[in-house]
Every structure is written in structure tokens, then in C-alpha cells.
Amino acid sequence: MDRCRRFAVTTKTRAKSRIFEAVHQTAGDLHRLGFIDKRKMRRFDALCLDPVPEYDSGKIRALRDHLQLSQAVLAAVLNTSLSTVRKWEIGEKHPSGPSLKLLDLLDRKGLEAVL
């Protein structure tokens, strides 16, 4: 099961990816055998999460249009202000942290995933 982070295709990063994958697989085996507890295994899992992509103003607007949401409804879904969504869409601000993760979730899985 390849859950480790994807890197740009260079020799150095390809080696890092293989190393991450091998370490994660070994940690999973040790967890199944009882040598690593659940908390430590979660840390290994977190190391191998895919990075959340950036969302620029155009991508946010396209996502909102695709989901057929108003700015006010998108703000409510993301638990942020209407002003913040407006600023994202004109490029004054950029989403980060939980908002960025929720935008990615909306993009990948749809509105039902966050409601």
C-alpha cells in the first residue's frame, strides 16, 4: 500500500520516496506485531500524507462554480466569513490550514464530504 508522499521525478527525491515507503511499510509491520503502538503509527502515517495543493483565486472560484454555491454558502460550509471568501477570490488573501484542507476535500470528494 503506497501512501507515502509523491515527490518530483528526480533521482534524489525518488530515493526519498522509496525510503519513506519502506519505513512506512516496516512501521506498519511492527505495529501489526505489537512493537509499535497506535500513537506512534499515526505519526508514521502523518509523515506519508500527500501535501495539500495550493488554491489560487481562479481555482477557488472554479470550485465554487462547479459546486454551484454562492460565496455566502461556501463561507458557511468552510466556517469562515463571507469577506474571507471574497478576498480569496480576488487574490487579496490565500486560504491556509484547515480552510485549505477543506477546500481540497470539497474538490476531491464533493459537498457531501463536509456536510
PDB file of N, CA and C in Angstrom:
ATOM      1  N   MET A   1       0.854  -1.176   0.000  1.00  0.00           N
ATOM      2  CA  MET A   1       0.000   0.000   0.000  1.00  0.00           C
ATOM      3  C   MET A   1       0.895   1.232   0.000  1.00  0.00           C
ATOM      4  N   ASP A   2       0.822   2.004  -1.071  1.00  0.00           N
ATOM      5  CA  ASP A   2       1.701   3.145  -1.225  1.00  0.00           C
ATOM      6  C   ASP A   2       1.000   4.416  -0.779  1.00  0.00           C
ATOM      7  N   ARG A   3       1.174   4.816   0.471  1.00  0.00           N
ATOM      8  CA  ARG A   3       0.529   6.015   0.998  1.00  0.00           C
ATOM      9  C   ARG A   3       1.525   7.139   1.155  1.00  0.00           C
ATOM     10  N   CYS A   4       2.784   6.867   0.859  1.00  0.00           N
ATOM     11  CA  CYS A   4       3.806   7.878   1.091  1.00  0.00           C
ATOM     12  C   CYS A   4       3.747   8.980   0.051  1.00  0.00           C
ATOM     13  N   ARG A   5       4.227  10.101   0.445  1.00  0.00           N
ATOM     14  CA  ARG A   5       4.262  11.319  -0.312  1.00  0.00           C
ATOM     15  C   ARG A   5       4.903  11.124  -1.689  1.00  0.00           C
ATOM     16  N   ARG A   6       4.349  11.794  -2.669  1.00  0.00           N
ATOM     17  CA  ARG A   6       4.896  11.762  -4.027  1.00  0.00           C
ATOM     18  C   ARG A   6       5.845  12.946  -4.193  1.00  0.00           C
ATOM     19  N   PHE A   7       6.995  12.687  -4.749  1.00  0.00           N
ATOM     20  CA  PHE A   7       7.991  13.725  -4.959  1.00  0.00           C
ATOM     21  C   PHE A   7       8.195  13.956  -6.444  1.00  0.00           C
ATOM     22  N   ALA A   8       8.822  15.081  -6.797  1.00  0.00           N
ATOM     23  CA  ALA A   8       9.175  15.342  -8.190  1.00  0.00           C
ATOM     24  C   ALA A   8      10.086  14.222  -8.676  1.00  0.00           C
ATOM     25  N   VAL A   9      10.073  13.989  -9.971  1.00  0.00           N
ATOM     26  CA  VAL A   9      10.784  12.837 -10.512  1.00  0.00           C
ATOM     27  C   VAL A   9      12.263  13.171 -10.706  1.00  0.00           C
ATOM     28  N   THR A  10      13.021  13.076  -9.647  1.00  0.00           N
ATOM     29  CA  THR A  10      14.472  13.186  -9.720  1.00  0.00           C
ATOM     30  C   THR A  10      15.036  11.987  -8.996  1.00  0.00           C
ATOM     31  N   THR A  11      16.296  11.704  -9.250  1.00  0.00           N
ATOM     32  CA  THR A  11      16.912  10.542  -8.619  1.00  0.00           C
ATOM     33  C   THR A  11      16.911  10.683  -7.104  1.00  0.00           C
ATOM     34  N   LYS A  12      17.271  11.871  -6.615  1.00  0.00           N
ATOM     35  CA  LYS A  12      17.342  12.091  -5.171  1.00  0.00           C
ATOM     36  C   LYS A  12      15.964  11.948  -4.518  1.00  0.00           C
ATOM     37  N   THR A  13      14.957  12.580  -5.105  1.00  0.00           N
ATOM     38  CA  THR A  13      13.629  12.512  -4.492  1.00  0.00           C
ATOM     39  C   THR A  13      12.987  11.148  -4.691  1.00  0.00           C
ATOM     40  N   ARG A  14      13.302  10.471  -5.789  1.00  0.00           N
ATOM     41  CA  ARG A  14      12.778   9.122  -5.989  1.00  0.00           C
ATOM     42  C   ARG A  14      13.309   8.213  -4.884  1.00  0.00           C
ATOM     43  N   ALA A  15      14.568   8.398  -4.527  1.00  0.00           N
ATOM     44  CA  ALA A  15      15.156   7.613  -3.445  1.00  0.00           C
ATOM     45  C   ALA A  15      14.467   7.940  -2.123  1.00  0.00           C
ATOM     46  N   LYS A  16      14.180   9.221  -1.872  1.00  0.00           N
ATOM     47  CA  LYS A  16      13.477   9.611  -0.647  1.00  0.00           C
ATOM     48  C   LYS A  16      12.109   8.953  -0.584  1.00  0.00           C
ATOM     49  N   SER A  17      11.406   8.948  -1.709  1.00  0.00           N
ATOM     50  CA  SER A  17      10.080   8.346  -1.751  1.00  0.00           C
ATOM     51  C   SER A  17      10.149   6.860  -1.430  1.00  0.00           C
ATOM     52  N   ARG A  18      11.124   6.178  -2.004  1.00  0.00           N
ATOM     53  CA  ARG A  18      11.281   4.749  -1.719  1.00  0.00           C
ATOM     54  C   ARG A  18      11.633   4.525  -0.255  1.00  0.00           C
ATOM     55  N   ILE A  19      12.448   5.399   0.291  1.00  0.00           N
ATOM     56  CA  ILE A  19      12.826   5.275   1.708  1.00  0.00           C
ATOM     57  C   ILE A  19      11.598   5.488   2.589  1.00  0.00           C
ATOM     58  N   PHE A  20      10.822   6.559   2.318  1.00  0.00           N
ATOM     59  CA  PHE A  20       9.594   6.797   3.086  1.00  0.00           C
ATOM     60  C   PHE A  20       8.662   5.596   2.999  1.00  0.00           C
ATOM     61  N   GLU A  21       8.511   5.064   1.803  1.00  0.00           N
ATOM     62  CA  GLU A  21       7.623   3.923   1.604  1.00  0.00           C
ATOM     63  C   GLU A  21       8.106   2.708   2.393  1.00  0.00           C
ATOM     64  N   ALA A  22       9.418   2.459   2.358  1.00  0.00           N
ATOM     65  CA  ALA A  22       9.974   1.309   3.080  1.00  0.00           C
ATOM     66  C   ALA A  22       9.819   1.482   4.590  1.00  0.00           C
ATOM     67  N   VAL A  23      10.094   2.689   5.079  1.00  0.00           N
ATOM     68  CA  VAL A  23       9.965   2.954   6.516  1.00  0.00           C
ATOM     69  C   VAL A  23       8.508   2.801   6.947  1.00  0.00           C
ATOM     70  N   HIS A  24       7.587   3.317   6.156  1.00  0.00           N
ATOM     71  CA  HIS A  24       6.172   3.223   6.497  1.00  0.00           C
ATOM     72  C   HIS A  24       5.708   1.770   6.501  1.00  0.00           C
ATOM     73  N   GLN A  25       6.139   1.010   5.525  1.00  0.00           N
ATOM     74  CA  GLN A  25       5.753  -0.400   5.461  1.00  0.00           C
ATOM     75  C   GLN A  25       6.321  -1.175   6.654  1.00  0.00           C
ATOM     76  N   THR A  26       7.574  -0.895   7.003  1.00  0.00           N
ATOM     77  CA  THR A  26       8.189  -1.558   8.159  1.00  0.00           C
ATOM     78  C   THR A  26       7.462  -1.181   9.446  1.00  0.00           C
ATOM     79  N   ALA A  27       7.129   0.108   9.588  1.00  0.00           N
ATOM     80  CA  ALA A  27       6.399   0.556  10.779  1.00  0.00           C
ATOM     81  C   ALA A  27       5.039  -0.132  10.857  1.00  0.00           C
ATOM     82  N   GLY A  28       4.374  -0.277   9.718  1.00  0.00           N
ATOM     83  CA  GLY A  28       3.084  -0.972   9.697  1.00  0.00           C
ATOM     84  C   GLY A  28       3.211  -2.419  10.142  1.00  0.00           C
ATOM     85  N   ASP A  29       4.265  -3.082   9.671  1.00  0.00           N
ATOM     86  CA  ASP A  29       4.503  -4.466  10.089  1.00  0.00           C
ATOM     87  C   ASP A  29       4.766  -4.546  11.587  1.00  0.00           C
ATOM     88  N   LEU A  30       5.588  -3.623  12.100  1.00  0.00           N
ATOM     89  CA  LEU A  30       5.885  -3.610  13.539  1.00  0.00           C
ATOM     90  C   LEU A  30       4.630  -3.305  14.360  1.00  0.00           C
ATOM     91  N   HIS A  31       3.771  -2.448  13.830  1.00  0.00           N
ATOM     92  CA  HIS A  31       2.513  -2.138  14.522  1.00  0.00           C
ATOM     93  C   HIS A  31       1.617  -3.377  14.592  1.00  0.00           C
ATOM     94  N   ARG A  32       1.504  -4.084  13.474  1.00  0.00           N
ATOM     95  CA  ARG A  32       0.675  -5.300  13.458  1.00  0.00           C
ATOM     96  C   ARG A  32       1.207  -6.361  14.416  1.00  0.00           C
ATOM     97  N   LEU A  33       2.527  -6.379  14.610  1.00  0.00           N
ATOM     98  CA  LEU A  33       3.126  -7.350  15.531  1.00  0.00           C
ATOM     99  C   LEU A  33       3.103  -6.878  16.983  1.00  0.00           C
ATOM    100  N   GLY A  34       2.691  -5.620  17.208  1.00  0.00           N
ATOM    101  CA  GLY A  34       2.569  -5.117  18.570  1.00  0.00           C
ATOM    102  C   GLY A  34       3.796  -4.400  19.102  1.00  0.00           C
ATOM    103  N   PHE A  35       4.791  -4.146  18.253  1.00  0.00           N
ATOM    104  CA  PHE A  35       6.008  -3.469  18.706  1.00  0.00           C
ATOM    105  C   PHE A  35       5.892  -1.948  18.652  1.00  0.00           C
ATOM    106  N   ILE A  36       4.943  -1.442  17.878  1.00  0.00           N
ATOM    107  CA  ILE A  36       4.709  -0.002  17.781  1.00  0.00           C
ATOM    108  C   ILE A  36       3.252   0.246  18.163  1.00  0.00           C
ATOM    109  N   ASP A  37       3.043   1.211  19.074  1.00  0.00           N
ATOM    110  CA  ASP A  37       1.666   1.491  19.489  1.00  0.00           C
ATOM    111  C   ASP A  37       0.939   2.351  18.445  1.00  0.00           C
ATOM    112  N   LYS A  38      -0.354   2.509  18.646  1.00  0.00           N
ATOM    113  CA  LYS A  38      -1.209   3.215  17.692  1.00  0.00           C
ATOM    114  C   LYS A  38      -0.774   4.667  17.508  1.00  0.00           C
ATOM    115  N   ARG A  39      -0.379   5.326  18.590  1.00  0.00           N
ATOM    116  CA  ARG A  39       0.029   6.728  18.528  1.00  0.00           C
ATOM    117  C   ARG A  39       1.258   6.904  17.637  1.00  0.00           C
ATOM    118  N   LYS A  40       2.244   6.040  17.821  1.00  0.00           N
ATOM    119  CA  LYS A  40       3.458   6.132  17.015  1.00  0.00           C
ATOM    120  C   LYS A  40       3.157   5.813  15.542  1.00  0.00           C
ATOM    121  N   MET A  41       2.259   4.863  15.311  1.00  0.00           N
ATOM    122  CA  MET A  41       1.896   4.510  13.939  1.00  0.00           C
ATOM    123  C   MET A  41       1.208   5.681  13.248  1.00  0.00           C
ATOM    124  N   ARG A  42       0.402   6.426  13.986  1.00  0.00           N
ATOM    125  CA  ARG A  42      -0.247   7.609  13.410  1.00  0.00           C
ATOM    126  C   ARG A  42       0.787   8.643  12.984  1.00  0.00           C
ATOM    127  N   ARG A  43       1.873   8.760  13.741  1.00  0.00           N
ATOM    128  CA  ARG A  43       2.942   9.686  13.356  1.00  0.00           C
ATOM    129  C   ARG A  43       3.578   9.263  12.038  1.00  0.00           C
ATOM    130  N   PHE A  44       3.818   7.965  11.879  1.00  0.00           N
ATOM    131  CA  PHE A  44       4.360   7.470  10.613  1.00  0.00           C
ATOM    132  C   PHE A  44       3.370   7.726   9.477  1.00  0.00           C
ATOM    133  N   ASP A  45       2.085   7.514   9.741  1.00  0.00           N
ATOM    134  CA  ASP A  45       1.062   7.779   8.724  1.00  0.00           C
ATOM    135  C   ASP A  45       1.076   9.255   8.313  1.00  0.00           C
ATOM    136  N   ALA A  46       1.201  10.148   9.303  1.00  0.00           N
ATOM    137  CA  ALA A  46       1.196  11.582   9.025  1.00  0.00           C
ATOM    138  C   ALA A  46       2.386  11.992   8.164  1.00  0.00           C
ATOM    139  N   LEU A  47       3.518  11.347   8.337  1.00  0.00           N
ATOM    140  CA  LEU A  47       4.691  11.654   7.517  1.00  0.00           C
ATOM    141  C   LEU A  47       4.451  11.342   6.048  1.00  0.00           C
ATOM    142  N   CYS A  48       3.578  10.411   5.783  1.00  0.00           N
ATOM    143  CA  CYS A  48       3.364   9.944   4.417  1.00  0.00           C
ATOM    144  C   CYS A  48       2.110  10.508   3.765  1.00  0.00           C
ATOM    145  N   LEU A  49       1.479  11.491   4.389  1.00  0.00           N
ATOM    146  CA  LEU A  49       0.303  12.110   3.775  1.00  0.00           C
ATOM    147  C   LEU A  49       0.712  12.948   2.569  1.00  0.00           C
ATOM    148  N   ASP A  50      -0.130  12.957   1.564  1.00  0.00           N
ATOM    149  CA  ASP A  50       0.122  13.808   0.408  1.00  0.00           C
ATOM    150  C   ASP A  50      -0.026  15.261   0.836  1.00  0.00           C
ATOM    151  N   PRO A  51       0.831  16.145   0.328  1.00  0.00           N
ATOM    152  CA  PRO A  51       0.691  17.564   0.675  1.00  0.00           C
ATOM    153  C   PRO A  51      -0.598  18.129   0.077  1.00  0.00           C
ATOM    154  N   VAL A  52      -1.187  19.078   0.762  1.00  0.00           N
ATOM    155  CA  VAL A  52      -2.420  19.705   0.285  1.00  0.00           C
ATOM    156  C   VAL A  52      -2.038  20.721  -0.795  1.00  0.00           C
ATOM    157  N   PRO A  53      -2.685  20.661  -1.965  1.00  0.00           N
ATOM    158  CA  PRO A  53      -2.338  21.606  -3.036  1.00  0.00           C
ATOM    159  C   PRO A  53      -2.771  23.030  -2.691  1.00  0.00           C
ATOM    160  N   GLU A  54      -2.111  23.986  -3.304  1.00  0.00           N
ATOM    161  CA  GLU A  54      -2.470  25.393  -3.120  1.00  0.00           C
ATOM    162  C   GLU A  54      -3.711  25.706  -3.954  1.00  0.00           C
ATOM    163  N   TYR A  55      -4.514  26.622  -3.474  1.00  0.00           N
ATOM    164  CA  TYR A  55      -5.699  27.071  -4.206  1.00  0.00           C
ATOM    165  C   TYR A  55      -5.582  28.566  -4.434  1.00  0.00           C
ATOM    166  N   ASP A  56      -5.461  28.959  -5.699  1.00  0.00           N
ATOM    167  CA  ASP A  56      -5.412  30.380  -6.024  1.00  0.00           C
ATOM    168  C   ASP A  56      -6.839  30.889  -6.259  1.00  0.00           C
ATOM    169  N   SER A  57      -6.950  32.173  -6.542  1.00  0.00           N
ATOM    170  CA  SER A  57      -8.281  32.777  -6.674  1.00  0.00           C
ATOM    171  C   SER A  57      -9.110  32.120  -7.778  1.00  0.00           C
ATOM    172  N   GLY A  58      -8.487  31.826  -8.905  1.00  0.00           N
ATOM    173  CA  GLY A  58      -9.214  31.201 -10.011  1.00  0.00           C
ATOM    174  C   GLY A  58      -9.702  29.806  -9.682  1.00  0.00           C
ATOM    175  N   LYS A  59      -8.875  29.054  -8.993  1.00  0.00           N
ATOM    176  CA  LYS A  59      -9.242  27.681  -8.645  1.00  0.00           C
ATOM    177  C   LYS A  59     -10.380  27.665  -7.612  1.00  0.00           C
ATOM    178  N   ILE A  60     -10.352  28.604  -6.685  1.00  0.00           N
ATOM    179  CA  ILE A  60     -11.424  28.690  -5.679  1.00  0.00           C
ATOM    180  C   ILE A  60     -12.742  29.059  -6.357  1.00  0.00           C
ATOM    181  N   ARG A  61     -12.693  30.033  -7.254  1.00  0.00           N
ATOM    182  CA  ARG A  61     -13.906  30.450  -7.976  1.00  0.00           C
ATOM    183  C   ARG A  61     -14.441  29.300  -8.830  1.00  0.00           C
ATOM    184  N   ALA A  62     -13.536  28.586  -9.515  1.00  0.00           N
ATOM    185  CA  ALA A  62     -13.958  27.459 -10.356  1.00  0.00           C
ATOM    186  C   ALA A  62     -14.598  26.355  -9.515  1.00  0.00           C
ATOM    187  N   LEU A  63     -14.024  26.090  -8.340  1.00  0.00           N
ATOM    188  CA  LEU A  63     -14.581  25.076  -7.448  1.00  0.00           C
ATOM    189  C   LEU A  63     -15.972  25.493  -6.968  1.00  0.00           C
ATOM    190  N   ARG A  64     -16.097  26.754  -6.577  1.00  0.00           N
ATOM    191  CA  ARG A  64     -17.393  27.257  -6.097  1.00  0.00           C
ATOM    192  C   ARG A  64     -18.440  27.185  -7.206  1.00  0.00           C
ATOM    193  N   ASP A  65     -18.048  27.565  -8.420  1.00  0.00           N
ATOM    194  CA  ASP A  65     -18.976  27.490  -9.556  1.00  0.00           C
ATOM    195  C   ASP A  65     -19.358  26.044  -9.854  1.00  0.00           C
ATOM    196  N   HIS A  66     -18.384  25.151  -9.802  1.00  0.00           N
ATOM    197  CA  HIS A  66     -18.650  23.733 -10.063  1.00  0.00           C
ATOM    198  C   HIS A  66     -19.646  23.158  -9.051  1.00  0.00           C
ATOM    199  N   LEU A  67     -19.498  23.556  -7.791  1.00  0.00           N
ATOM    200  CA  LEU A  67     -20.394  23.075  -6.735  1.00  0.00           C
ATOM    201  C   LEU A  67     -21.712  23.847  -6.703  1.00  0.00           C
ATOM    202  N   GLN A  68     -21.809  24.890  -7.524  1.00  0.00           N
ATOM    203  CA  GLN A  68     -22.998  25.740  -7.612  1.00  0.00           C
ATOM    204  C   GLN A  68     -23.352  26.353  -6.255  1.00  0.00           C
ATOM    205  N   LEU A  69     -22.332  26.949  -5.635  1.00  0.00           N
ATOM    206  CA  LEU A  69     -22.512  27.588  -4.334  1.00  0.00           C
ATOM    207  C   LEU A  69     -22.296  29.088  -4.462  1.00  0.00           C
ATOM    208  N   SER A  70     -23.008  29.846  -3.656  1.00  0.00           N
ATOM    209  CA  SER A  70     -22.734  31.276  -3.561  1.00  0.00           C
ATOM    210  C   SER A  70     -21.531  31.458  -2.639  1.00  0.00           C
ATOM    211  N   GLN A  71     -20.972  32.656  -2.643  1.00  0.00           N
ATOM    212  CA  GLN A  71     -19.860  32.931  -1.733  1.00  0.00           C
ATOM    213  C   GLN A  71     -20.304  32.763  -0.283  1.00  0.00           C
ATOM    214  N   ALA A  72     -21.517  33.188   0.024  1.00  0.00           N
ATOM    215  CA  ALA A  72     -22.028  33.088   1.397  1.00  0.00           C
ATOM    216  C   ALA A  72     -22.168  31.632   1.838  1.00  0.00           C
ATOM    217  N   VAL A  73     -22.655  30.774   0.950  1.00  0.00           N
ATOM    218  CA  VAL A  73     -22.825  29.361   1.302  1.00  0.00           C
ATOM    219  C   VAL A  73     -21.460  28.692   1.452  1.00  0.00           C
ATOM    220  N   LEU A  74     -20.519  28.996   0.539  1.00  0.00           N
ATOM    221  CA  LEU A  74     -19.173  28.429   0.672  1.00  0.00           C
ATOM    222  C   LEU A  74     -18.547  28.860   1.996  1.00  0.00           C
ATOM    223  N   ALA A  75     -18.723  30.118   2.363  1.00  0.00           N
ATOM    224  CA  ALA A  75     -18.194  30.609   3.639  1.00  0.00           C
ATOM    225  C   ALA A  75     -18.790  29.826   4.807  1.00  0.00           C
ATOM    226  N   ALA A  76     -20.085  29.574   4.760  1.00  0.00           N
ATOM    227  CA  ALA A  76     -20.737  28.815   5.835  1.00  0.00           C
ATOM    228  C   ALA A  76     -20.218  27.380   5.884  1.00  0.00           C
ATOM    229  N   VAL A  77     -20.045  26.758   4.725  1.00  0.00           N
ATOM    230  CA  VAL A  77     -19.545  25.378   4.668  1.00  0.00           C
ATOM    231  C   VAL A  77     -18.136  25.288   5.258  1.00  0.00           C
ATOM    232  N   LEU A  78     -17.312  26.308   4.978  1.00  0.00           N
ATOM    233  CA  LEU A  78     -15.929  26.310   5.461  1.00  0.00           C
ATOM    234  C   LEU A  78     -15.789  26.929   6.848  1.00  0.00           C
ATOM    235  N   ASN A  79     -16.906  27.384   7.412  1.00  0.00           N
ATOM    236  CA  ASN A  79     -16.915  28.035   8.723  1.00  0.00           C
ATOM    237  C   ASN A  79     -15.965  29.238   8.749  1.00  0.00           C
ATOM    238  N   THR A  80     -16.091  30.047   7.722  1.00  0.00           N
ATOM    239  CA  THR A  80     -15.299  31.267   7.626  1.00  0.00           C
ATOM    240  C   THR A  80     -16.237  32.403   7.221  1.00  0.00           C
ATOM    241  N   SER A  81     -15.718  33.597   7.123  1.00  0.00           N
ATOM    242  CA  SER A  81     -16.585  34.739   6.803  1.00  0.00           C
ATOM    243  C   SER A  81     -16.732  34.928   5.294  1.00  0.00           C
ATOM    244  N   LEU A  82     -17.819  35.582   4.933  1.00  0.00           N
ATOM    245  CA  LEU A  82     -18.060  35.931   3.537  1.00  0.00           C
ATOM    246  C   LEU A  82     -16.928  36.823   3.025  1.00  0.00           C
ATOM    247  N   SER A  83     -16.480  37.727   3.856  1.00  0.00           N
ATOM    248  CA  SER A  83     -15.385  38.628   3.498  1.00  0.00           C
ATOM    249  C   SER A  83     -14.113  37.849   3.142  1.00  0.00           C
ATOM    250  N   THR A  84     -13.839  36.797   3.891  1.00  0.00           N
ATOM    251  CA  THR A  84     -12.648  35.986   3.623  1.00  0.00           C
ATOM    252  C   THR A  84     -12.754  35.303   2.266  1.00  0.00           C
ATOM    253  N   VAL A  85     -13.902  34.724   1.963  1.00  0.00           N
ATOM    254  CA  VAL A  85     -14.096  34.063   0.664  1.00  0.00           C
ATOM    255  C   VAL A  85     -13.950  35.080  -0.462  1.00  0.00           C
ATOM    256  N   ARG A  86     -14.509  36.259  -0.294  1.00  0.00           N
ATOM    257  CA  ARG A  86     -14.375  37.312  -1.314  1.00  0.00           C
ATOM    258  C   ARG A  86     -12.908  37.677  -1.530  1.00  0.00           C
ATOM    259  N   LYS A  87     -12.174  37.821  -0.443  1.00  0.00           N
ATOM    260  CA  LYS A  87     -10.751  38.170  -0.556  1.00  0.00           C
ATOM    261  C   LYS A  87      -9.954  37.051  -1.218  1.00  0.00           C
ATOM    262  N   TRP A  88     -10.309  35.792  -0.956  1.00  0.00           N
ATOM    263  CA  TRP A  88      -9.648  34.670  -1.639  1.00  0.00           C
ATOM    264  C   TRP A  88      -9.877  34.776  -3.139  1.00  0.00           C
ATOM    265  N   GLU A  89     -11.103  35.076  -3.523  1.00  0.00           N
ATOM    266  CA  GLU A  89     -11.456  35.080  -4.942  1.00  0.00           C
ATOM    267  C   GLU A  89     -10.889  36.264  -5.711  1.00  0.00           C
ATOM    268  N   ILE A  90     -10.548  37.340  -5.027  1.00  0.00           N
ATOM    269  CA  ILE A  90      -9.907  38.455  -5.734  1.00  0.00           C
ATOM    270  C   ILE A  90      -8.391  38.442  -5.539  1.00  0.00           C
ATOM    271  N   GLY A  91      -7.911  37.477  -4.794  1.00  0.00           N
ATOM    272  CA  GLY A  91      -6.468  37.306  -4.633  1.00  0.00           C
ATOM    273  C   GLY A  91      -5.827  38.129  -3.534  1.00  0.00           C
ATOM    274  N   GLU A  92      -6.623  38.775  -2.693  1.00  0.00           N
ATOM    275  CA  GLU A  92      -6.072  39.562  -1.583  1.00  0.00           C
ATOM    276  C   GLU A  92      -5.525  38.677  -0.471  1.00  0.00           C
ATOM    277  N   LYS A  93      -6.163  37.542  -0.265  1.00  0.00           N
ATOM    278  CA  LYS A  93      -5.749  36.579   0.762  1.00  0.00           C
ATOM    279  C   LYS A  93      -5.685  35.203   0.126  1.00  0.00           C
ATOM    280  N   HIS A  94      -5.019  34.294   0.814  1.00  0.00           N
ATOM    281  CA  HIS A  94      -4.926  32.914   0.348  1.00  0.00           C
ATOM    282  C   HIS A  94      -5.328  31.984   1.484  1.00  0.00           C
ATOM    283  N   PRO A  95      -6.100  30.950   1.182  1.00  0.00           N
ATOM    284  CA  PRO A  95      -6.508  30.016   2.243  1.00  0.00           C
ATOM    285  C   PRO A  95      -5.310  29.250   2.785  1.00  0.00           C
ATOM    286  N   SER A  96      -5.389  28.908   4.059  1.00  0.00           N
ATOM    287  CA  SER A  96      -4.319  28.119   4.675  1.00  0.00           C
ATOM    288  C   SER A  96      -4.932  27.240   5.760  1.00  0.00           C
ATOM    289  N   GLY A  97      -4.139  26.342   6.278  1.00  0.00           N
ATOM    290  CA  GLY A  97      -4.552  25.490   7.386  1.00  0.00           C
ATOM    291  C   GLY A  97      -5.821  24.712   7.109  1.00  0.00           C
ATOM    292  N   PRO A  98      -6.752  24.725   8.064  1.00  0.00           N
ATOM    293  CA  PRO A  98      -7.985  23.943   7.929  1.00  0.00           C
ATOM    294  C   PRO A  98      -8.818  24.332   6.704  1.00  0.00           C
ATOM    295  N   SER A  99      -8.839  25.625   6.356  1.00  0.00           N
ATOM    296  CA  SER A  99      -9.611  26.054   5.185  1.00  0.00           C
ATOM    297  C   SER A  99      -9.057  25.440   3.912  1.00  0.00           C
ATOM    298  N   LEU A 100      -7.746  25.396   3.804  1.00  0.00           N
ATOM    299  CA  LEU A 100      -7.107  24.799   2.634  1.00  0.00           C
ATOM    300  C   LEU A 100      -7.419  23.312   2.552  1.00  0.00           C
ATOM    301  N   LYS A 101      -7.365  22.639   3.679  1.00  0.00           N
ATOM    302  CA  LYS A 101      -7.672  21.207   3.723  1.00  0.00           C
ATOM    303  C   LYS A 101      -9.138  20.956   3.336  1.00  0.00           C
ATOM    304  N   LEU A 102     -10.049  21.794   3.838  1.00  0.00           N
ATOM    305  CA  LEU A 102     -11.467  21.636   3.499  1.00  0.00           C
ATOM    306  C   LEU A 102     -11.735  21.921   2.022  1.00  0.00           C
ATOM    307  N   LEU A 103     -11.047  22.912   1.452  1.00  0.00           N
ATOM    308  CA  LEU A 103     -11.194  23.176   0.019  1.00  0.00           C
ATOM    309  C   LEU A 103     -10.745  21.965  -0.793  1.00  0.00           C
ATOM    310  N   ASP A 104      -9.640  21.365  -0.386  1.00  0.00           N
ATOM    311  CA  ASP A 104      -9.147  20.174  -1.077  1.00  0.00           C
ATOM    312  C   ASP A 104     -10.148  19.026  -0.955  1.00  0.00           C
ATOM    313  N   LEU A 105     -10.718  18.868   0.221  1.00  0.00           N
ATOM    314  CA  LEU A 105     -11.721  17.822   0.439  1.00  0.00           C
ATOM    315  C   LEU A 105     -12.962  18.061  -0.430  1.00  0.00           C
ATOM    316  N   LEU A 106     -13.415  19.307  -0.494  1.00  0.00           N
ATOM    317  CA  LEU A 106     -14.540  19.657  -1.364  1.00  0.00           C
ATOM    318  C   LEU A 106     -14.215  19.343  -2.822  1.00  0.00           C
ATOM    319  N   ASP A 107     -13.004  19.661  -3.216  1.00  0.00           N
ATOM    320  CA  ASP A 107     -12.571  19.449  -4.592  1.00  0.00           C
ATOM    321  C   ASP A 107     -12.515  17.961  -4.941  1.00  0.00           C
ATOM    322  N   ARG A 108     -11.991  17.166  -4.028  1.00  0.00           N
ATOM    323  CA  ARG A 108     -11.813  15.735  -4.298  1.00  0.00           C
ATOM    324  C   ARG A 108     -13.081  14.918  -4.091  1.00  0.00           C
ATOM    325  N   LYS A 109     -13.851  15.227  -3.037  1.00  0.00           N
ATOM    326  CA  LYS A 109     -14.966  14.351  -2.648  1.00  0.00           C
ATOM    327  C   LYS A 109     -16.350  14.975  -2.786  1.00  0.00           C
ATOM    328  N   GLY A 110     -16.397  16.283  -2.999  1.00  0.00           N
ATOM    329  CA  GLY A 110     -17.694  16.930  -3.156  1.00  0.00           C
ATOM    330  C   GLY A 110     -18.254  17.475  -1.855  1.00  0.00           C
ATOM    331  N   LEU A 111     -19.363  18.150  -1.982  1.00  0.00           N
ATOM    332  CA  LEU A 111     -20.001  18.841  -0.857  1.00  0.00           C
ATOM    333  C   LEU A 111     -20.450  17.884   0.243  1.00  0.00           C
ATOM    334  N   GLU A 112     -20.891  16.695  -0.132  1.00  0.00           N
ATOM    335  CA  GLU A 112     -21.390  15.724   0.847  1.00  0.00           C
ATOM    336  C   GLU A 112     -20.316  15.332   1.868  1.00  0.00           C
ATOM    337  N   ALA A 113     -19.062  15.426   1.486  1.00  0.00           N
ATOM    338  CA  ALA A 113     -17.968  15.013   2.371  1.00  0.00           C
ATOM    339  C   ALA A 113     -17.793  15.941   3.569  1.00  0.00           C
ATOM    340  N   VAL A 114     -18.235  17.181   3.448  1.00  0.00           N
ATOM    341  CA  VAL A 114     -18.030  18.128   4.549  1.00  0.00           C
ATOM    342  C   VAL A 114     -19.318  18.535   5.249  1.00  0.00           C
ATOM    343  N   LEU A 115     -20.436  18.037   4.786  1.00  0.00           N
ATOM    344  CA  LEU A 115     -21.707  18.389   5.439  1.00  0.00           C
ATOM    345  C   LEU A 115     -22.111  17.357   6.459  1.00  0.00           C
TER     346      LEU A 115
END
